[in-house]
Each structure stands twice: as C-alpha cells, then as structure tokens.
Amino acid sequence: MRSVLWVGLGVLSAACAVGALGGGPPQATIEGTEATEGATTIAGGVFDSQSREPIESALLLLQCDCLEDARETETNADGLFAFRELPPGTYTVQVLHRNANAVQAVPLGAEETVRLRFVLSSEPLSRT
C-alpha cells in the first residue's frame, strides 16, 4: 500500500512540475542552499510566504537511488526538519502542506550538511 502512495505522489509531483493540473506556477519557492562540514545531513525550515511564520507539520519526503527506501518526516513547531546519517548522492526533497508542493534536487557529498529554506504560498490553487 505504501508503495502505491509513493508512486501516486511521484506522478502528482511530475504533473505539478509540468503544469499538467492547470494550477499555474508552483505554490512554493526555495531560497538557497548552503553546504558545511560535519555530519551528512539535509536540514532546514519551511515558512509561510506571507506571514514568514514557520509551518508546523509540513510533510517532507526524501528520495535517492542511494537509499533502500524513501524517508519522510514532518516539520516541528519551529518549522524545522532534518534527515541525518545519509549516504552521499543526489536527493529529491519534496515538501507538501495544504495546497503547496515544492520539490528540490540536492547533491550531497560525504560529511556535508545542506541547509534548505522552503517558502510556501498559503494561497489556494487556482482552477482554470
């Protein structure tokens, strides 16, 4: 059942990326990445584009050919998340919250931390 969910989310993500759902431009932007020495980690925060407040309980999905299975987590009360102890590779990080869906490809080297900042629009999707 879980694999069906992942496939469905992948198809939905691809459709959103090419605008096939008629929802217009993506409902999120991503502001910069930063690599620092240390544990092999992808971490960051998710924030509302209008209020700039952190978004709690946003779902984050992490996929990479270098992982046996996809991983998921949710943001905490401060809008923060972290995926730790990752092997080097190129990851896809997807954030889902209400109508917002943001996807970012992230190359990650050994003993590197990449920090992401997702800024999601709280506006509903427009229908055309």
Protein backbone atom coordinates (compact mmCIF):
# COMPACT_ATOMS: atom_id res chain seq x y z
CA MET A 1 0.00 0.00 0.00
CA ARG A 2 2.79 2.39 0.88
CA SER A 3 4.49 1.86 -2.49
CA VAL A 4 1.23 2.80 -4.24
CA LEU A 5 1.22 6.05 -2.24
CA TRP A 6 4.80 6.81 -3.29
CA VAL A 7 4.04 6.13 -6.95
CA GLY A 8 0.93 8.32 -6.74
CA LEU A 9 2.88 11.15 -5.13
CA GLY A 10 5.57 10.82 -7.79
CA VAL A 11 3.03 11.06 -10.61
CA LEU A 12 1.32 14.01 -8.91
CA SER A 13 4.68 15.74 -8.44
CA ALA A 14 5.60 15.27 -12.08
CA ALA A 15 2.20 16.56 -13.20
CA CYS A 16 2.55 19.62 -10.99
CA ALA A 17 6.07 20.26 -12.24
CA VAL A 18 4.97 20.39 -15.87
CA GLY A 19 1.75 22.28 -15.12
CA ALA A 20 -0.49 19.42 -16.24
CA LEU A 21 -3.01 20.06 -13.47
CA GLY A 22 -3.73 23.63 -14.59
CA GLY A 23 -2.79 25.01 -11.20
CA GLY A 24 -0.44 27.61 -12.64
CA PRO A 25 3.07 28.14 -11.27
CA PRO A 26 4.35 26.14 -8.30
CA GLN A 27 2.99 27.23 -4.95
CA ALA A 28 6.43 27.40 -3.35
CA THR A 29 9.87 28.87 -3.74
CA ILE A 30 13.14 27.67 -2.28
CA GLU A 31 15.67 30.17 -1.01
CA GLY A 32 19.25 28.96 -1.29
CA THR A 33 21.27 26.01 -0.08
CA GLU A 34 24.39 26.05 2.00
CA ALA A 35 26.94 23.26 2.49
CA THR A 36 29.01 22.98 5.65
CA GLU A 37 31.43 20.37 7.00
CA GLY A 38 30.11 17.84 9.51
CA ALA A 39 27.61 15.00 9.56
CA THR A 40 25.97 14.01 6.28
CA THR A 41 22.62 15.77 6.69
CA ILE A 42 19.88 17.58 4.80
CA ALA A 43 18.15 20.04 7.13
CA GLY A 44 16.27 23.30 7.03
CA GLY A 45 12.98 25.06 7.55
CA VAL A 46 9.57 25.57 5.99
CA PHE A 47 7.91 29.00 6.22
CA ASP A 48 4.76 30.78 5.05
CA SER A 49 5.40 33.23 2.20
CA GLN A 50 3.05 35.92 3.53
CA SER A 51 3.47 35.82 7.30
CA ARG A 52 7.05 34.42 7.26
CA GLU A 53 5.93 32.26 10.21
CA PRO A 54 7.24 28.68 10.47
CA ILE A 55 4.92 25.95 9.19
CA GLU A 56 4.40 23.09 11.62
CA SER A 57 3.58 19.56 10.41
CA ALA A 58 4.56 20.06 6.76
CA LEU A 59 5.35 16.63 5.27
CA LEU A 60 8.82 16.15 3.78
CA LEU A 61 9.66 13.21 1.52
CA LEU A 62 13.27 12.28 0.76
CA GLN A 63 14.20 10.05 -2.18
CA CYS A 64 17.53 8.92 -3.64
CA ASP A 65 18.77 5.95 -5.63
CA CYS A 66 21.37 5.64 -2.86
CA LEU A 67 18.66 4.79 -0.25
CA GLU A 68 16.98 1.43 0.14
CA ASP A 69 13.63 3.14 0.87
CA ALA A 70 12.32 6.69 0.75
CA ARG A 71 12.26 8.57 4.04
CA GLU A 72 9.75 11.01 5.44
CA THR A 73 9.47 13.41 8.33
CA GLU A 74 7.38 16.41 9.42
CA THR A 75 8.45 19.87 10.48
CA ASN A 76 8.40 20.65 14.18
CA ALA A 77 6.69 23.61 15.89
CA ASP A 78 9.54 25.87 14.68
CA GLY A 79 9.10 24.72 11.06
CA LEU A 80 12.41 22.81 11.15
CA PHE A 81 13.31 19.37 9.76
CA ALA A 82 16.38 17.17 9.39
CA PHE A 83 17.36 13.97 7.62
CA ARG A 84 20.58 12.67 9.21
CA GLU A 85 23.20 9.97 8.54
CA LEU A 86 22.65 9.95 4.77
CA PRO A 87 24.93 8.36 2.19
CA PRO A 88 26.34 10.69 -0.48
CA GLY A 89 24.12 11.07 -3.53
CA THR A 90 21.65 13.32 -5.31
CA TYR A 91 18.42 13.59 -3.34
CA THR A 92 14.95 14.82 -4.15
CA VAL A 93 13.34 16.68 -1.26
CA GLN A 94 9.60 17.25 -1.57
CA VAL A 95 7.51 19.37 0.79
CA LEU A 96 3.73 19.01 0.97
CA HIS A 97 1.48 21.27 3.02
CA ARG A 98 -2.15 22.07 2.24
CA ASN A 99 -2.13 23.01 -1.48
CA ALA A 100 1.62 23.68 -1.66
CA ASN A 101 4.01 21.21 -3.26
CA ALA A 102 7.71 22.10 -3.57
CA VAL A 103 10.47 19.88 -4.92
CA GLN A 104 14.23 20.47 -4.80
CA ALA A 105 17.10 18.33 -6.12
CA VAL A 106 20.00 18.31 -3.66
CA PRO A 107 23.50 16.93 -4.30
CA LEU A 108 25.02 15.75 -1.02
CA GLY A 109 28.67 14.82 -0.50
CA ALA A 110 30.25 12.80 2.29
CA GLU A 111 30.34 14.59 5.67
CA GLU A 112 28.35 17.50 4.29
CA THR A 113 25.29 19.34 5.60
CA VAL A 114 22.96 21.01 3.13
CA ARG A 115 20.52 23.56 4.51
CA LEU A 116 17.28 24.32 2.67
CA ARG A 117 14.69 27.04 3.20
CA PHE A 118 11.28 26.36 1.69
CA VAL A 119 8.85 29.30 1.49
CA LEU A 120 5.35 28.05 0.74
CA SER A 121 2.38 30.02 -0.52
CA SER A 122 -0.74 29.66 1.60
CA GLU A 123 -2.94 30.78 -1.28
CA PRO A 124 -5.30 28.13 -2.69
CA LEU A 125 -4.63 26.72 -6.14
CA SER A 126 -6.49 28.49 -8.94
CA ARG A 127 -8.64 26.40 -11.27
CA THR A 128 -8.66 27.18 -14.99
